[in-house]
Amino acid sequence: MMRFLFVRVIVPLLIFWLVRGILRSMFGGASSQVAAKPARPMPTTVSPGGELRKDPVCGIYVSADTSVTKRINGQTVHFCSPACRDKYRAA
């Protein structure tokens, strides 16, 4: 019974792992290099040199040109997202 288990199960598994390791070392390096490439940077829609305003909810500085704005008491308040604007409105 032990001999059957060793010959029919364990030896083929050892051979499989050995062949798999050899193939990964030969061909796996190329696929890992492809996966390691950094993603392309996202194009920016903000013009360089634009004025930055601080979001009063989360504290992030956002471009005045592309921010979500709301007029409160005659002043324009800039937000990074509609979610921050809604949180400010609820408070």
PDB file of N, CA and C in Angstrom:
ATOM      1  N   MET A   1       0.810  -1.192   0.000  1.00  0.00           N
ATOM      2  CA  MET A   1       0.000   0.000   0.000  1.00  0.00           C
ATOM      3  C   MET A   1       0.858   1.263   0.000  1.00  0.00           C
ATOM      4  N   MET A   2       1.893   1.320   0.832  1.00  0.00           N
ATOM      5  CA  MET A   2       2.780   2.487   0.870  1.00  0.00           C
ATOM      6  C   MET A   2       3.533   2.635  -0.440  1.00  0.00           C
ATOM      7  N   ARG A   3       3.939   1.519  -1.009  1.00  0.00           N
ATOM      8  CA  ARG A   3       4.669   1.569  -2.269  1.00  0.00           C
ATOM      9  C   ARG A   3       3.783   2.131  -3.373  1.00  0.00           C
ATOM     10  N   PHE A   4       2.514   1.714  -3.389  1.00  0.00           N
ATOM     11  CA  PHE A   4       1.563   2.226  -4.377  1.00  0.00           C
ATOM     12  C   PHE A   4       1.409   3.739  -4.224  1.00  0.00           C
ATOM     13  N   LEU A   5       1.223   4.194  -2.996  1.00  0.00           N
ATOM     14  CA  LEU A   5       1.075   5.613  -2.737  1.00  0.00           C
ATOM     15  C   LEU A   5       2.313   6.385  -3.170  1.00  0.00           C
ATOM     16  N   PHE A   6       3.470   5.869  -2.848  1.00  0.00           N
ATOM     17  CA  PHE A   6       4.721   6.544  -3.196  1.00  0.00           C
ATOM     18  C   PHE A   6       4.910   6.606  -4.703  1.00  0.00           C
ATOM     19  N   VAL A   7       4.710   5.477  -5.394  1.00  0.00           N
ATOM     20  CA  VAL A   7       4.978   5.408  -6.831  1.00  0.00           C
ATOM     21  C   VAL A   7       3.904   6.128  -7.635  1.00  0.00           C
ATOM     22  N   ARG A   8       2.650   6.004  -7.254  1.00  0.00           N
ATOM     23  CA  ARG A   8       1.549   6.555  -8.058  1.00  0.00           C
ATOM     24  C   ARG A   8       1.205   8.015  -7.724  1.00  0.00           C
ATOM     25  N   VAL A   9       1.549   8.485  -6.524  1.00  0.00           N
ATOM     26  CA  VAL A   9       1.121   9.821  -6.142  1.00  0.00           C
ATOM     27  C   VAL A   9       2.307  10.742  -5.859  1.00  0.00           C
ATOM     28  N   ILE A  10       3.182  10.346  -4.962  1.00  0.00           N
ATOM     29  CA  ILE A  10       4.244  11.238  -4.502  1.00  0.00           C
ATOM     30  C   ILE A  10       5.290  11.483  -5.575  1.00  0.00           C
ATOM     31  N   VAL A  11       5.752  10.470  -6.259  1.00  0.00           N
ATOM     32  CA  VAL A  11       6.773  10.642  -7.303  1.00  0.00           C
ATOM     33  C   VAL A  11       6.256  11.528  -8.441  1.00  0.00           C
ATOM     34  N   PRO A  12       5.043  11.300  -8.968  1.00  0.00           N
ATOM     35  CA  PRO A  12       4.558  12.212 -10.021  1.00  0.00           C
ATOM     36  C   PRO A  12       4.419  13.660  -9.548  1.00  0.00           C
ATOM     37  N   LEU A  13       4.015  13.864  -8.282  1.00  0.00           N
ATOM     38  CA  LEU A  13       3.927  15.230  -7.771  1.00  0.00           C
ATOM     39  C   LEU A  13       5.301  15.879  -7.689  1.00  0.00           C
ATOM     40  N   LEU A  14       6.299  15.145  -7.238  1.00  0.00           N
ATOM     41  CA  LEU A  14       7.658  15.677  -7.179  1.00  0.00           C
ATOM     42  C   LEU A  14       8.173  16.023  -8.575  1.00  0.00           C
ATOM     43  N   ILE A  15       7.922  15.166  -9.541  1.00  0.00           N
ATOM     44  CA  ILE A  15       8.341  15.429 -10.922  1.00  0.00           C
ATOM     45  C   ILE A  15       7.613  16.660 -11.471  1.00  0.00           C
ATOM     46  N   PHE A  16       6.313  16.756 -11.192  1.00  0.00           N
ATOM     47  CA  PHE A  16       5.542  17.913 -11.646  1.00  0.00           C
ATOM     48  C   PHE A  16       6.122  19.208 -11.081  1.00  0.00           C
ATOM     49  N   TRP A  17       6.392  19.258  -9.764  1.00  0.00           N
ATOM     50  CA  TRP A  17       6.937  20.467  -9.154  1.00  0.00           C
ATOM     51  C   TRP A  17       8.325  20.805  -9.676  1.00  0.00           C
ATOM     52  N   LEU A  18       9.125  19.773  -9.970  1.00  0.00           N
ATOM     53  CA  LEU A  18      10.455  20.006 -10.516  1.00  0.00           C
ATOM     54  C   LEU A  18      10.355  20.616 -11.913  1.00  0.00           C
ATOM     55  N   VAL A  19       9.525  20.031 -12.777  1.00  0.00           N
ATOM     56  CA  VAL A  19       9.348  20.548 -14.143  1.00  0.00           C
ATOM     57  C   VAL A  19       8.736  21.951 -14.092  1.00  0.00           C
ATOM     58  N   ARG A  20       7.764  22.143 -13.208  1.00  0.00           N
ATOM     59  CA  ARG A  20       7.136  23.462 -13.071  1.00  0.00           C
ATOM     60  C   ARG A  20       8.159  24.516 -12.648  1.00  0.00           C
ATOM     61  N   GLY A  21       9.023  24.176 -11.713  1.00  0.00           N
ATOM     62  CA  GLY A  21      10.047  25.111 -11.269  1.00  0.00           C
ATOM     63  C   GLY A  21      11.023  25.455 -12.378  1.00  0.00           C
ATOM     64  N   ILE A  22      11.405  24.470 -13.162  1.00  0.00           N
ATOM     65  CA  ILE A  22      12.319  24.710 -14.283  1.00  0.00           C
ATOM     66  C   ILE A  22      11.655  25.608 -15.328  1.00  0.00           C
ATOM     67  N   LEU A  23      10.396  25.309 -15.667  1.00  0.00           N
ATOM     68  CA  LEU A  23       9.697  26.125 -16.664  1.00  0.00           C
ATOM     69  C   LEU A  23       9.478  27.553 -16.156  1.00  0.00           C
ATOM     70  N   ARG A  24       9.170  27.697 -14.884  1.00  0.00           N
ATOM     71  CA  ARG A  24       9.001  29.053 -14.337  1.00  0.00           C
ATOM     72  C   ARG A  24      10.300  29.834 -14.367  1.00  0.00           C
ATOM     73  N   SER A  25      11.413  29.165 -14.089  1.00  0.00           N
ATOM     74  CA  SER A  25      12.681  29.887 -14.109  1.00  0.00           C
ATOM     75  C   SER A  25      13.067  30.279 -15.534  1.00  0.00           C
ATOM     76  N   MET A  26      12.661  29.477 -16.514  1.00  0.00           N
ATOM     77  CA  MET A  26      12.979  29.785 -17.907  1.00  0.00           C
ATOM     78  C   MET A  26      12.039  30.848 -18.476  1.00  0.00           C
ATOM     79  N   PHE A  27      10.742  30.695 -18.238  1.00  0.00           N
ATOM     80  CA  PHE A  27       9.754  31.572 -18.869  1.00  0.00           C
ATOM     81  C   PHE A  27       9.080  32.525 -17.891  1.00  0.00           C
ATOM     82  N   GLY A  28       9.148  32.261 -16.625  1.00  0.00           N
ATOM     83  CA  GLY A  28       8.475  33.092 -15.625  1.00  0.00           C
ATOM     84  C   GLY A  28       9.104  34.458 -15.490  1.00  0.00           C
ATOM     85  N   GLY A  29      10.391  34.587 -15.787  1.00  0.00           N
ATOM     86  CA  GLY A  29      11.060  35.879 -15.656  1.00  0.00           C
ATOM     87  C   GLY A  29      10.475  36.908 -16.594  1.00  0.00           C
ATOM     88  N   ALA A  30      10.107  36.513 -17.807  1.00  0.00           N
ATOM     89  CA  ALA A  30       9.551  37.456 -18.774  1.00  0.00           C
ATOM     90  C   ALA A  30       8.176  37.930 -18.337  1.00  0.00           C
ATOM     91  N   SER A  31       7.340  37.032 -17.798  1.00  0.00           N
ATOM     92  CA  SER A  31       6.001  37.452 -17.389  1.00  0.00           C
ATOM     93  C   SER A  31       6.052  38.306 -16.137  1.00  0.00           C
ATOM     94  N   SER A  32       7.009  38.057 -15.251  1.00  0.00           N
ATOM     95  CA  SER A  32       7.093  38.890 -14.052  1.00  0.00           C
ATOM     96  C   SER A  32       7.617  40.279 -14.402  1.00  0.00           C
ATOM     97  N   GLN A  33       8.433  40.400 -15.440  1.00  0.00           N
ATOM     98  CA  GLN A  33       8.921  41.710 -15.843  1.00  0.00           C
ATOM     99  C   GLN A  33       7.793  42.531 -16.463  1.00  0.00           C
ATOM    100  N   VAL A  34       6.908  41.866 -17.192  1.00  0.00           N
ATOM    101  CA  VAL A  34       5.782  42.567 -17.791  1.00  0.00           C
ATOM    102  C   VAL A  34       4.853  43.066 -16.692  1.00  0.00           C
ATOM    103  N   ALA A  35       4.614  42.246 -15.670  1.00  0.00           N
ATOM    104  CA  ALA A  35       3.722  42.640 -14.591  1.00  0.00           C
ATOM    105  C   ALA A  35       4.338  43.739 -13.733  1.00  0.00           C
ATOM    106  N   ALA A  36       5.661  43.840 -13.725  1.00  0.00           N
ATOM    107  CA  ALA A  36       6.327  44.813 -12.863  1.00  0.00           C
ATOM    108  C   ALA A  36       6.390  46.207 -13.481  1.00  0.00           C
ATOM    109  N   LYS A  37       5.984  46.348 -14.748  1.00  0.00           N
ATOM    110  CA  LYS A  37       6.028  47.670 -15.377  1.00  0.00           C
ATOM    111  C   LYS A  37       5.052  48.604 -14.671  1.00  0.00           C
ATOM    112  N   PRO A  38       5.452  49.819 -14.406  1.00  0.00           N
ATOM    113  CA  PRO A  38       4.524  50.748 -13.756  1.00  0.00           C
ATOM    114  C   PRO A  38       3.418  51.159 -14.718  1.00  0.00           C
ATOM    115  N   ALA A  39       2.286  51.479 -14.144  1.00  0.00           N
ATOM    116  CA  ALA A  39       1.155  51.906 -14.968  1.00  0.00           C
ATOM    117  C   ALA A  39       1.458  53.261 -15.592  1.00  0.00           C
ATOM    118  N   ARG A  40       0.851  53.498 -16.742  1.00  0.00           N
ATOM    119  CA  ARG A  40       1.020  54.786 -17.401  1.00  0.00           C
ATOM    120  C   ARG A  40       0.453  55.879 -16.523  1.00  0.00           C
ATOM    121  N   PRO A  41       1.141  56.979 -16.392  1.00  0.00           N
ATOM    122  CA  PRO A  41       0.590  58.057 -15.563  1.00  0.00           C
ATOM    123  C   PRO A  41      -0.671  58.628 -16.198  1.00  0.00           C
ATOM    124  N   MET A  42      -1.616  58.999 -15.350  1.00  0.00           N
ATOM    125  CA  MET A  42      -2.869  59.568 -15.827  1.00  0.00           C
ATOM    126  C   MET A  42      -2.607  60.978 -16.352  1.00  0.00           C
ATOM    127  N   PRO A  43      -3.212  61.325 -17.475  1.00  0.00           N
ATOM    128  CA  PRO A  43      -3.031  62.688 -17.972  1.00  0.00           C
ATOM    129  C   PRO A  43      -3.717  63.677 -17.034  1.00  0.00           C
ATOM    130  N   THR A  44      -3.076  64.783 -16.828  1.00  0.00           N
ATOM    131  CA  THR A  44      -3.644  65.777 -15.928  1.00  0.00           C
ATOM    132  C   THR A  44      -4.530  66.733 -16.697  1.00  0.00           C
ATOM    133  N   THR A  45      -5.627  67.122 -16.075  1.00  0.00           N
ATOM    134  CA  THR A  45      -6.530  68.075 -16.714  1.00  0.00           C
ATOM    135  C   THR A  45      -6.360  69.458 -16.109  1.00  0.00           C
ATOM    136  N   VAL A  46      -5.501  69.568 -15.123  1.00  0.00           N
ATOM    137  CA  VAL A  46      -5.280  70.846 -14.460  1.00  0.00           C
ATOM    138  C   VAL A  46      -4.183  71.601 -15.189  1.00  0.00           C
ATOM    139  N   SER A  47      -4.443  72.860 -15.447  1.00  0.00           N
ATOM    140  CA  SER A  47      -3.424  73.652 -16.113  1.00  0.00           C
ATOM    141  C   SER A  47      -2.312  73.957 -15.111  1.00  0.00           C
ATOM    142  N   PRO A  48      -1.055  73.878 -15.538  1.00  0.00           N
ATOM    143  CA  PRO A  48       0.029  74.162 -14.610  1.00  0.00           C
ATOM    144  C   PRO A  48      -0.015  75.620 -14.162  1.00  0.00           C
ATOM    145  N   GLY A  49       0.330  75.827 -12.904  1.00  0.00           N
ATOM    146  CA  GLY A  49       0.346  77.183 -12.380  1.00  0.00           C
ATOM    147  C   GLY A  49      -1.001  77.677 -11.913  1.00  0.00           C
ATOM    148  N   GLY A  50      -2.003  76.777 -11.836  1.00  0.00           N
ATOM    149  CA  GLY A  50      -3.320  77.196 -11.377  1.00  0.00           C
ATOM    150  C   GLY A  50      -3.337  77.437  -9.876  1.00  0.00           C
ATOM    151  N   GLU A  51      -4.320  78.176  -9.432  1.00  0.00           N
ATOM    152  CA  GLU A  51      -4.440  78.512  -8.021  1.00  0.00           C
ATOM    153  C   GLU A  51      -5.023  77.319  -7.259  1.00  0.00           C
ATOM    154  N   LEU A  52      -4.456  77.004  -6.089  1.00  0.00           N
ATOM    155  CA  LEU A  52      -4.926  75.898  -5.268  1.00  0.00           C
ATOM    156  C   LEU A  52      -5.739  76.429  -4.101  1.00  0.00           C
ATOM    157  N   ARG A  53      -6.814  75.720  -3.794  1.00  0.00           N
ATOM    158  CA  ARG A  53      -7.668  76.066  -2.665  1.00  0.00           C
ATOM    159  C   ARG A  53      -7.803  74.837  -1.772  1.00  0.00           C
ATOM    160  N   LYS A  54      -7.924  75.067  -0.461  1.00  0.00           N
ATOM    161  CA  LYS A  54      -8.015  73.966   0.493  1.00  0.00           C
ATOM    162  C   LYS A  54      -9.472  73.569   0.700  1.00  0.00           C
ATOM    163  N   ASP A  55      -9.719  72.250   0.584  1.00  0.00           N
ATOM    164  CA  ASP A  55     -11.042  71.699   0.858  1.00  0.00           C
ATOM    165  C   ASP A  55     -11.270  71.761   2.371  1.00  0.00           C
ATOM    166  N   PRO A  56     -12.344  72.415   2.838  1.00  0.00           N
ATOM    167  CA  PRO A  56     -12.554  72.546   4.281  1.00  0.00           C
ATOM    168  C   PRO A  56     -12.944  71.244   4.977  1.00  0.00           C
ATOM    169  N   VAL A  57     -13.362  70.238   4.231  1.00  0.00           N
ATOM    170  CA  VAL A  57     -13.794  68.976   4.841  1.00  0.00           C
ATOM    171  C   VAL A  57     -12.617  68.037   5.036  1.00  0.00           C
ATOM    172  N   CYS A  58     -11.883  67.733   3.966  1.00  0.00           N
ATOM    173  CA  CYS A  58     -10.805  66.736   4.062  1.00  0.00           C
ATOM    174  C   CYS A  58      -9.410  67.353   4.070  1.00  0.00           C
ATOM    175  N   GLY A  59      -9.294  68.636   3.773  1.00  0.00           N
ATOM    176  CA  GLY A  59      -8.007  69.306   3.851  1.00  0.00           C
ATOM    177  C   GLY A  59      -7.124  69.157   2.630  1.00  0.00           C
ATOM    178  N   ILE A  60      -7.628  68.583   1.570  1.00  0.00           N
ATOM    179  CA  ILE A  60      -6.849  68.415   0.341  1.00  0.00           C
ATOM    180  C   ILE A  60      -6.852  69.723  -0.440  1.00  0.00           C
ATOM    181  N   TYR A  61      -5.730  70.037  -1.034  1.00  0.00           N
ATOM    182  CA  TYR A  61      -5.654  71.218  -1.891  1.00  0.00           C
ATOM    183  C   TYR A  61      -6.089  70.832  -3.297  1.00  0.00           C
ATOM    184  N   VAL A  62      -7.024  71.593  -3.841  1.00  0.00           N
ATOM    185  CA  VAL A  62      -7.559  71.317  -5.173  1.00  0.00           C
ATOM    186  C   VAL A  62      -7.384  72.548  -6.048  1.00  0.00           C
ATOM    187  N   SER A  63      -7.335  72.326  -7.341  1.00  0.00           N
ATOM    188  CA  SER A  63      -7.228  73.422  -8.292  1.00  0.00           C
ATOM    189  C   SER A  63      -8.538  74.204  -8.298  1.00  0.00           C
ATOM    190  N   ALA A  64      -8.430  75.492  -8.274  1.00  0.00           N
ATOM    191  CA  ALA A  64      -9.619  76.336  -8.282  1.00  0.00           C
ATOM    192  C   ALA A  64     -10.385  76.185  -9.596  1.00  0.00           C
ATOM    193  N   ASP A  65      -9.680  75.826 -10.672  1.00  0.00           N
ATOM    194  CA  ASP A  65     -10.322  75.684 -11.982  1.00  0.00           C
ATOM    195  C   ASP A  65     -11.195  74.433 -12.073  1.00  0.00           C
ATOM    196  N   THR A  66     -10.792  73.344 -11.407  1.00  0.00           N
ATOM    197  CA  THR A  66     -11.486  72.073 -11.577  1.00  0.00           C
ATOM    198  C   THR A  66     -12.229  71.619 -10.325  1.00  0.00           C
ATOM    199  N   SER A  67     -12.247  72.418  -9.279  1.00  0.00           N
ATOM    200  CA  SER A  67     -12.885  72.003  -8.027  1.00  0.00           C
ATOM    201  C   SER A  67     -14.403  72.122  -8.109  1.00  0.00           C
ATOM    202  N   VAL A  68     -15.074  71.440  -7.200  1.00  0.00           N
ATOM    203  CA  VAL A  68     -16.518  71.568  -7.043  1.00  0.00           C
ATOM    204  C   VAL A  68     -16.732  72.765  -6.115  1.00  0.00           C
ATOM    205  N   THR A  69     -17.532  73.722  -6.537  1.00  0.00           N
ATOM    206  CA  THR A  69     -17.681  74.954  -5.762  1.00  0.00           C
ATOM    207  C   THR A  69     -19.095  75.098  -5.214  1.00  0.00           C
ATOM    208  N   LYS A  70     -19.195  75.882  -4.147  1.00  0.00           N
ATOM    209  CA  LYS A  70     -20.490  76.216  -3.549  1.00  0.00           C
ATOM    210  C   LYS A  70     -20.371  77.615  -2.963  1.00  0.00           C
ATOM    211  N   ARG A  71     -21.359  78.457  -3.216  1.00  0.00           N
ATOM    212  CA  ARG A  71     -21.358  79.812  -2.653  1.00  0.00           C
ATOM    213  C   ARG A  71     -22.062  79.768  -1.303  1.00  0.00           C
ATOM    214  N   ILE A  72     -21.321  80.197  -0.263  1.00  0.00           N
ATOM    215  CA  ILE A  72     -21.856  80.212   1.092  1.00  0.00           C
ATOM    216  C   ILE A  72     -21.582  81.597   1.670  1.00  0.00           C
ATOM    217  N   ASN A  73     -22.648  82.286   2.074  1.00  0.00           N
ATOM    218  CA  ASN A  73     -22.540  83.636   2.631  1.00  0.00           C
ATOM    219  C   ASN A  73     -21.742  84.580   1.730  1.00  0.00           C
ATOM    220  N   GLY A  74     -21.943  84.463   0.421  1.00  0.00           N
ATOM    221  CA  GLY A  74     -21.267  85.350  -0.515  1.00  0.00           C
ATOM    222  C   GLY A  74     -19.842  84.954  -0.856  1.00  0.00           C
ATOM    223  N   GLN A  75     -19.319  83.888  -0.245  1.00  0.00           N
ATOM    224  CA  GLN A  75     -17.960  83.428  -0.546  1.00  0.00           C
ATOM    225  C   GLN A  75     -18.035  82.096  -1.286  1.00  0.00           C
ATOM    226  N   THR A  76     -17.105  81.911  -2.209  1.00  0.00           N
ATOM    227  CA  THR A  76     -17.023  80.655  -2.937  1.00  0.00           C
ATOM    228  C   THR A  76     -16.118  79.698  -2.168  1.00  0.00           C
ATOM    229  N   VAL A  77     -16.672  78.512  -1.828  1.00  0.00           N
ATOM    230  CA  VAL A  77     -15.915  77.483  -1.118  1.00  0.00           C
ATOM    231  C   VAL A  77     -15.622  76.372  -2.118  1.00  0.00           C
ATOM    232  N   HIS A  78     -14.362  75.889  -2.133  1.00  0.00           N
ATOM    233  CA  HIS A  78     -13.924  74.880  -3.098  1.00  0.00           C
ATOM    234  C   HIS A  78     -13.827  73.520  -2.409  1.00  0.00           C
ATOM    235  N   PHE A  79     -14.333  72.483  -3.094  1.00  0.00           N
ATOM    236  CA  PHE A  79     -14.323  71.116  -2.578  1.00  0.00           C
ATOM    237  C   PHE A  79     -13.653  70.194  -3.593  1.00  0.00           C
ATOM    238  N   CYS A  80     -13.084  69.092  -3.092  1.00  0.00           N
ATOM    239  CA  CYS A  80     -12.414  68.142  -3.991  1.00  0.00           C
ATOM    240  C   CYS A  80     -13.419  67.242  -4.703  1.00  0.00           C
ATOM    241  N   SER A  81     -14.601  67.034  -4.104  1.00  0.00           N
ATOM    242  CA  SER A  81     -15.586  66.131  -4.706  1.00  0.00           C
ATOM    243  C   SER A  81     -16.988  66.526  -4.256  1.00  0.00           C
ATOM    244  N   PRO A  82     -17.985  66.032  -4.948  1.00  0.00           N
ATOM    245  CA  PRO A  82     -19.360  66.280  -4.502  1.00  0.00           C
ATOM    246  C   PRO A  82     -19.640  65.665  -3.123  1.00  0.00           C
ATOM    247  N   ALA A  83     -18.967  64.572  -2.783  1.00  0.00           N
ATOM    248  CA  ALA A  83     -19.169  63.952  -1.471  1.00  0.00           C
ATOM    249  C   ALA A  83     -18.724  64.900  -0.353  1.00  0.00           C
ATOM    250  N   CYS A  84     -17.579  65.563  -0.525  1.00  0.00           N
ATOM    251  CA  CYS A  84     -17.116  66.525   0.481  1.00  0.00           C
ATOM    252  C   CYS A  84     -18.064  67.728   0.549  1.00  0.00           C
ATOM    253  N   ARG A  85     -18.574  68.155  -0.589  1.00  0.00           N
ATOM    254  CA  ARG A  85     -19.526  69.274  -0.601  1.00  0.00           C
ATOM    255  C   ARG A  85     -20.779  68.909   0.193  1.00  0.00           C
ATOM    256  N   ASP A  86     -21.263  67.665  -0.002  1.00  0.00           N
ATOM    257  CA  ASP A  86     -22.464  67.230   0.700  1.00  0.00           C
ATOM    258  C   ASP A  86     -22.214  67.080   2.205  1.00  0.00           C
ATOM    259  N   LYS A  87     -21.020  66.614   2.586  1.00  0.00           N
ATOM    260  CA  LYS A  87     -20.679  66.523   4.010  1.00  0.00           C
ATOM    261  C   LYS A  87     -20.638  67.905   4.641  1.00  0.00           C
ATOM    262  N   TYR A  88     -20.101  68.873   3.937  1.00  0.00           N
ATOM    263  CA  TYR A  88     -20.024  70.242   4.440  1.00  0.00           C
ATOM    264  C   TYR A  88     -21.434  70.828   4.571  1.00  0.00           C
ATOM    265  N   ARG A  89     -22.263  70.534   3.595  1.00  0.00           N
ATOM    266  CA  ARG A  89     -23.636  71.048   3.597  1.00  0.00           C
ATOM    267  C   ARG A  89     -24.424  70.454   4.760  1.00  0.00           C
ATOM    268  N   ALA A  90     -24.157  69.172   5.107  1.00  0.00           N
ATOM    269  CA  ALA A  90     -24.879  68.507   6.188  1.00  0.00           C
ATOM    270  C   ALA A  90     -24.427  68.991   7.564  1.00  0.00           C
ATOM    271  N   ALA A  91     -23.194  69.483   7.655  1.00  0.00           N
ATOM    272  CA  ALA A  91     -22.688  69.901   8.971  1.00  0.00           C
ATOM    273  C   ALA A  91     -23.180  71.240   9.411  1.00  0.00           C
TER     274      ALA A  91
END
